[in-house]
PDB file of N, CA and C in Angstrom:
ATOM      1  N   MET A   1     133.198 127.639  97.239  1.00  0.00           N
ATOM      2  CA  MET A   1     131.886 128.010  96.637  1.00  0.00           C
ATOM      3  C   MET A   1     131.759 129.325  96.987  1.00  0.00           C
ATOM      4  N   TRP A   2     130.882 130.016  95.885  1.00  0.00           N
ATOM      5  CA  TRP A   2     131.552 131.778  95.816  1.00  0.00           C
ATOM      6  C   TRP A   2     129.770 132.164  95.965  1.00  0.00           C
ATOM      7  N   LEU A   3     129.818 133.166  97.000  1.00  0.00           N
ATOM      8  CA  LEU A   3     128.606 133.646  97.225  1.00  0.00           C
ATOM      9  C   LEU A   3     128.895 135.156  97.121  1.00  0.00           C
ATOM     10  N   PRO A   4     127.945 135.745  96.698  1.00  0.00           N
ATOM     11  CA  PRO A   4     128.015 137.213  96.286  1.00  0.00           C
ATOM     12  C   PRO A   4     127.620 137.895  97.538  1.00  0.00           C
ATOM     13  N   GLY A   5     128.121 139.349  97.886  1.00  0.00           N
ATOM     14  CA  GLY A   5     127.651 139.842  98.728  1.00  0.00           C
ATOM     15  C   GLY A   5     128.085 139.587 100.500  1.00  0.00           C
ATOM     16  N   ARG A   6     127.728 139.797 101.117  1.00  0.00           N
ATOM     17  CA  ARG A   6     128.028 139.654 102.671  1.00  0.00           C
ATOM     18  C   ARG A   6     128.899 138.236 103.066  1.00  0.00           C
ATOM     19  N   HIS A   7     128.538 137.279 102.492  1.00  0.00           N
ATOM     20  CA  HIS A   7     129.180 135.848 103.471  1.00  0.00           C
ATOM     21  C   HIS A   7     130.223 135.702 101.827  1.00  0.00           C
ATOM     22  N   ALA A   8     130.600 136.242 101.066  1.00  0.00           N
ATOM     23  CA  ALA A   8     131.430 136.103  99.960  1.00  0.00           C
ATOM     24  C   ALA A   8     132.563 135.045 100.110  1.00  0.00           C
ATOM     25  N   GLY A   9     132.560 133.915  99.450  1.00  0.00           N
ATOM     26  CA  GLY A   9     133.805 133.039  99.644  1.00  0.00           C
ATOM     27  C   GLY A   9     133.542 132.286 101.001  1.00  0.00           C
ATOM     28  N   ILE A  10     132.494 132.340 101.496  1.00  0.00           N
ATOM     29  CA  ILE A  10     131.844 131.305 102.758  1.00  0.00           C
ATOM     30  C   ILE A  10     130.714 130.545 102.533  1.00  0.00           C
ATOM     31  N   ALA A  11     131.139 129.267 102.536  1.00  0.00           N
ATOM     32  CA  ALA A  11     129.916 128.232 102.718  1.00  0.00           C
ATOM     33  C   ALA A  11     129.303 128.854 103.746  1.00  0.00           C
ATOM     34  N   THR A  12     127.695 128.977 103.664  1.00  0.00           N
ATOM     35  CA  THR A  12     127.027 128.964 104.831  1.00  0.00           C
ATOM     36  C   THR A  12     125.977 128.081 105.236  1.00  0.00           C
ATOM     37  N   SER A  13     125.882 126.981 104.603  1.00  0.00           N
ATOM     38  CA  SER A  13     125.552 125.478 104.521  1.00  0.00           C
ATOM     39  C   SER A  13     125.525 124.417 103.774  1.00  0.00           C
ATOM     40  N   ILE A  14     125.746 123.738 104.070  1.00  0.00           N
ATOM     41  CA  ILE A  14     125.438 122.494 102.925  1.00  0.00           C
ATOM     42  C   ILE A  14     124.457 121.336 103.549  1.00  0.00           C
ATOM     43  N   ASP A  15     123.427 121.336 102.769  1.00  0.00           N
ATOM     44  CA  ASP A  15     122.406 120.445 102.914  1.00  0.00           C
ATOM     45  C   ASP A  15     122.814 118.624 102.430  1.00  0.00           C
ATOM     46  N   GLY A  16     121.983 117.467 103.555  1.00  0.00           N
ATOM     47  CA  GLY A  16     122.072 116.289 103.090  1.00  0.00           C
ATOM     48  C   GLY A  16     121.597 116.064 101.749  1.00  0.00           C
ATOM     49  N   PRO A  17     121.924 114.821 101.143  1.00  0.00           N
ATOM     50  CA  PRO A  17     121.316 114.230  99.930  1.00  0.00           C
ATOM     51  C   PRO A  17     119.417 114.203 100.441  1.00  0.00           C
ATOM     52  N   PHE A  18     119.060 114.780  99.475  1.00  0.00           N
ATOM     53  CA  PHE A  18     117.383 114.890  99.309  1.00  0.00           C
ATOM     54  C   PHE A  18     116.747 113.730  98.340  1.00  0.00           C
ATOM     55  N   ASP A  19     116.069 113.378  99.079  1.00  0.00           N
ATOM     56  CA  ASP A  19     115.230 111.860  98.147  1.00  0.00           C
ATOM     57  C   ASP A  19     113.926 112.165  98.280  1.00  0.00           C
ATOM     58  N   HIS A  20     113.702 113.033  97.042  1.00  0.00           N
ATOM     59  CA  HIS A  20     112.464 113.267  96.366  1.00  0.00           C
ATOM     60  C   HIS A  20     111.196 112.484  96.261  1.00  0.00           C
ATOM     61  N   GLU A  21     111.949 111.373  96.328  1.00  0.00           N
ATOM     62  CA  GLU A  21     110.682 110.235  96.184  1.00  0.00           C
ATOM     63  C   GLU A  21     110.268 109.320  97.400  1.00  0.00           C
ATOM     64  N   ALA A  22     110.653 110.007  98.397  1.00  0.00           N
ATOM     65  CA  ALA A  22     110.441 109.388  99.978  1.00  0.00           C
ATOM     66  C   ALA A  22     109.043 109.245 100.085  1.00  0.00           C
ATOM     67  N   ASP A  23     108.219 110.669  99.776  1.00  0.00           N
ATOM     68  CA  ASP A  23     107.066 110.513 100.374  1.00  0.00           C
ATOM     69  C   ASP A  23     105.854 110.603  99.361  1.00  0.00           C
ATOM     70  N   MET A  24     106.624 110.267  97.787  1.00  0.00           N
ATOM     71  CA  MET A  24     105.631 110.324  96.819  1.00  0.00           C
ATOM     72  C   MET A  24     104.894 108.794  96.569  1.00  0.00           C
ATOM     73  N   ALA A  25     104.048 108.751  95.794  1.00  0.00           N
ATOM     74  CA  ALA A  25     103.237 107.399  95.663  1.00  0.00           C
ATOM     75  C   ALA A  25     104.358 107.071  94.238  1.00  0.00           C
ATOM     76  N   ILE A  26     104.673 105.524  94.866  1.00  0.00           N
ATOM     77  CA  ILE A  26     105.220 105.062  93.686  1.00  0.00           C
ATOM     78  C   ILE A  26     104.749 103.669  93.365  1.00  0.00           C
ATOM     79  N   ASP A  27     105.170 103.177  92.503  1.00  0.00           N
ATOM     80  CA  ASP A  27     104.400 101.827  92.064  1.00  0.00           C
ATOM     81  C   ASP A  27     105.552 100.672  92.797  1.00  0.00           C
ATOM     82  N   VAL A  28     105.473  99.412  92.951  1.00  0.00           N
ATOM     83  CA  VAL A  28     106.322  98.155  93.529  1.00  0.00           C
ATOM     84  C   VAL A  28     106.468  97.347  92.658  1.00  0.00           C
ATOM     85  N   TYR A  29     107.773  96.837  92.314  1.00  0.00           N
ATOM     86  CA  TYR A  29     107.668  95.540  91.328  1.00  0.00           C
ATOM     87  C   TYR A  29     108.916  94.487  92.223  1.00  0.00           C
ATOM     88  N   ASN A  30     108.281  93.315  91.749  1.00  0.00           N
ATOM     89  CA  ASN A  30     109.333  92.302  91.984  1.00  0.00           C
ATOM     90  C   ASN A  30     110.885  92.167  91.121  1.00  0.00           C
ATOM     91  N   MET A  31     111.383  91.473  91.181  1.00  0.00           N
ATOM     92  CA  MET A  31     112.671  91.470  90.213  1.00  0.00           C
ATOM     93  C   MET A  31     112.612  90.690  88.995  1.00  0.00           C
ATOM     94  N   GLN A  32     111.345  90.167  89.383  1.00  0.00           N
ATOM     95  CA  GLN A  32     110.843  89.823  87.568  1.00  0.00           C
ATOM     96  C   GLN A  32     110.089  90.758  86.646  1.00  0.00           C
ATOM     97  N   GLY A  33     109.716  91.867  87.563  1.00  0.00           N
ATOM     98  CA  GLY A  33     109.173  92.864  87.095  1.00  0.00           C
ATOM     99  C   GLY A  33     107.493  92.622  87.052  1.00  0.00           C
ATOM    100  N   VAL A  34     107.290  92.061  87.819  1.00  0.00           N
ATOM    101  CA  VAL A  34     105.438  91.891  88.102  1.00  0.00           C
ATOM    102  C   VAL A  34     105.060  93.160  89.398  1.00  0.00           C
ATOM    103  N   LEU A  35     104.035  93.698  88.646  1.00  0.00           N
ATOM    104  CA  LEU A  35     103.711  94.768  89.650  1.00  0.00           C
ATOM    105  C   LEU A  35     102.840  94.542  90.934  1.00  0.00           C
ATOM    106  N   LEU A  36     103.646  94.627  92.063  1.00  0.00           N
ATOM    107  CA  LEU A  36     102.983  94.192  93.383  1.00  0.00           C
ATOM    108  C   LEU A  36     102.193  95.176  94.210  1.00  0.00           C
ATOM    109  N   LEU A  37     102.210  96.769  94.142  1.00  0.00           N
ATOM    110  CA  LEU A  37     101.669  97.565  94.939  1.00  0.00           C
ATOM    111  C   LEU A  37     101.696  98.691  93.685  1.00  0.00           C
ATOM    112  N   ARG A  38     100.599  99.209  93.755  1.00  0.00           N
ATOM    113  CA  ARG A  38     100.734 100.874  93.060  1.00  0.00           C
ATOM    114  C   ARG A  38     100.089 101.893  93.548  1.00  0.00           C
ATOM    115  N   ASN A  39     100.800 103.373  93.255  1.00  0.00           N
ATOM    116  CA  ASN A  39     100.458 104.376  94.004  1.00  0.00           C
ATOM    117  C   ASN A  39     100.860 104.284  95.892  1.00  0.00           C
ATOM    118  N   VAL A  40     101.670 103.664  96.781  1.00  0.00           N
ATOM    119  CA  VAL A  40     102.253 103.561  97.719  1.00  0.00           C
ATOM    120  C   VAL A  40     103.377 104.161  97.898  1.00  0.00           C
ATOM    121  N   THR A  41     103.254 104.567  99.293  1.00  0.00           N
ATOM    122  CA  THR A  41     104.787 105.520  99.786  1.00  0.00           C
ATOM    123  C   THR A  41     105.955 104.556 100.277  1.00  0.00           C
ATOM    124  N   ARG A  42     107.185 104.391  99.937  1.00  0.00           N
ATOM    125  CA  ARG A  42     108.184 103.748 100.408  1.00  0.00           C
ATOM    126  C   ARG A  42     107.700 103.021 101.291  1.00  0.00           C
ATOM    127  N   ALA A  43     107.625 103.747 102.898  1.00  0.00           N
ATOM    128  CA  ALA A  43     106.940 103.472 103.989  1.00  0.00           C
ATOM    129  C   ALA A  43     105.991 102.451 103.960  1.00  0.00           C
ATOM    130  N   GLU A  44     104.513 103.006 103.268  1.00  0.00           N
ATOM    131  CA  GLU A  44     103.623 102.090 103.021  1.00  0.00           C
ATOM    132  C   GLU A  44     103.915 100.615 102.503  1.00  0.00           C
ATOM    133  N   ALA A  45     105.192 100.483 101.519  1.00  0.00           N
ATOM    134  CA  ALA A  45     105.678  99.311 100.935  1.00  0.00           C
ATOM    135  C   ALA A  45     106.193  98.230 101.699  1.00  0.00           C
ATOM    136  N   ALA A  46     106.972  98.905 102.716  1.00  0.00           N
ATOM    137  CA  ALA A  46     108.211  98.332 103.529  1.00  0.00           C
ATOM    138  C   ALA A  46     107.105  97.884 104.550  1.00  0.00           C
ATOM    139  N   ASP A  47     106.056  98.379 104.960  1.00  0.00           N
ATOM    140  CA  ASP A  47     105.180  97.572 105.739  1.00  0.00           C
ATOM    141  C   ASP A  47     104.525  96.286 105.526  1.00  0.00           C
ATOM    142  N   ARG A  48     104.122  96.602 104.092  1.00  0.00           N
ATOM    143  CA  ARG A  48     103.301  95.751 103.482  1.00  0.00           C
ATOM    144  C   ARG A  48     104.105  94.486 102.902  1.00  0.00           C
ATOM    145  N   LEU A  49     105.214  94.388 102.652  1.00  0.00           N
ATOM    146  CA  LEU A  49     106.016  93.310 102.098  1.00  0.00           C
ATOM    147  C   LEU A  49     106.998  92.539 102.668  1.00  0.00           C
ATOM    148  N   PRO A  50     107.248  91.550 102.692  1.00  0.00           N
ATOM    149  CA  PRO A  50     108.245  90.576 103.310  1.00  0.00           C
ATOM    150  C   PRO A  50     109.587  91.357 103.101  1.00  0.00           C
ATOM    151  N   THR A  51     110.342  90.452 103.393  1.00  0.00           N
ATOM    152  CA  THR A  51     112.276  90.547 103.355  1.00  0.00           C
ATOM    153  C   THR A  51     112.254  90.066 101.769  1.00  0.00           C
ATOM    154  N   GLY A  52     113.097  91.121 101.549  1.00  0.00           N
ATOM    155  CA  GLY A  52     113.574  90.690 100.049  1.00  0.00           C
ATOM    156  C   GLY A  52     113.882  91.885  98.938  1.00  0.00           C
ATOM    157  N   PHE A  53     114.231  91.533  97.726  1.00  0.00           N
ATOM    158  CA  PHE A  53     114.326  92.534  96.390  1.00  0.00           C
ATOM    159  C   PHE A  53     113.025  93.524  95.837  1.00  0.00           C
ATOM    160  N   TYR A  54     113.335  94.147  95.719  1.00  0.00           N
ATOM    161  CA  TYR A  54     112.093  95.185  95.213  1.00  0.00           C
ATOM    162  C   TYR A  54     112.617  96.186  94.498  1.00  0.00           C
ATOM    163  N   ILE A  55     111.582  96.411  93.151  1.00  0.00           N
ATOM    164  CA  ILE A  55     112.068  97.929  92.580  1.00  0.00           C
ATOM    165  C   ILE A  55     111.000  98.973  92.692  1.00  0.00           C
ATOM    166  N   MET A  56     111.406 100.000  93.514  1.00  0.00           N
ATOM    167  CA  MET A  56     110.260 100.926  94.067  1.00  0.00           C
ATOM    168  C   MET A  56     111.090 102.088  93.379  1.00  0.00           C
ATOM    169  N   GLY A  57     109.841 102.687  92.717  1.00  0.00           N
ATOM    170  CA  GLY A  57     109.969 104.267  91.756  1.00  0.00           C
ATOM    171  C   GLY A  57     110.920 103.380  91.064  1.00  0.00           C
ATOM    172  N   ARG A  58     112.444 104.077  90.485  1.00  0.00           N
ATOM    173  CA  ARG A  58     113.496 103.976  89.949  1.00  0.00           C
ATOM    174  C   ARG A  58     114.386 103.317  90.235  1.00  0.00           C
ATOM    175  N   ARG A  59     114.389 102.646  91.950  1.00  0.00           N
ATOM    176  CA  ARG A  59     115.307 102.279  92.627  1.00  0.00           C
ATOM    177  C   ARG A  59     115.184 100.484  93.163  1.00  0.00           C
ATOM    178  N   LYS A  60     116.472 100.091  93.068  1.00  0.00           N
ATOM    179  CA  LYS A  60     116.274  98.483  93.386  1.00  0.00           C
ATOM    180  C   LYS A  60     116.631  98.462  95.092  1.00  0.00           C
ATOM    181  N   VAL A  61     115.809  98.129  95.662  1.00  0.00           N
ATOM    182  CA  VAL A  61     116.078  98.281  97.311  1.00  0.00           C
ATOM    183  C   VAL A  61     115.671  96.403  97.880  1.00  0.00           C
ATOM    184  N   LEU A  62     116.432  96.847  98.674  1.00  0.00           N
ATOM    185  CA  LEU A  62     116.416  95.203  99.561  1.00  0.00           C
ATOM    186  C   LEU A  62     115.784  95.583 100.917  1.00  0.00           C
ATOM    187  N   LEU A  63     114.533  94.984 100.991  1.00  0.00           N
ATOM    188  CA  LEU A  63     114.139  95.116 102.731  1.00  0.00           C
ATOM    189  C   LEU A  63     114.316  94.081 103.434  1.00  0.00           C
ATOM    190  N   ARG A  64     114.655  94.292 104.562  1.00  0.00           N
ATOM    191  CA  ARG A  64     115.329  93.524 105.560  1.00  0.00           C
ATOM    192  C   ARG A  64     114.039  93.138 106.701  1.00  0.00           C
TER     193      ARG A  64
END
């Protein structure tokens, strides 16, 4: 990684993966495409749904 200036050639930090949907309001569907919850966060959906596979936002998720 090249950075101009004082720290040239030295990586100063590497951030972990960023999940921009974590706090966003999303819709949740079952695997058949039926809308189950609308405008909830992932945490709210996880609290309200039983164990299973769901589509949350743009991702397939397994809740345990």
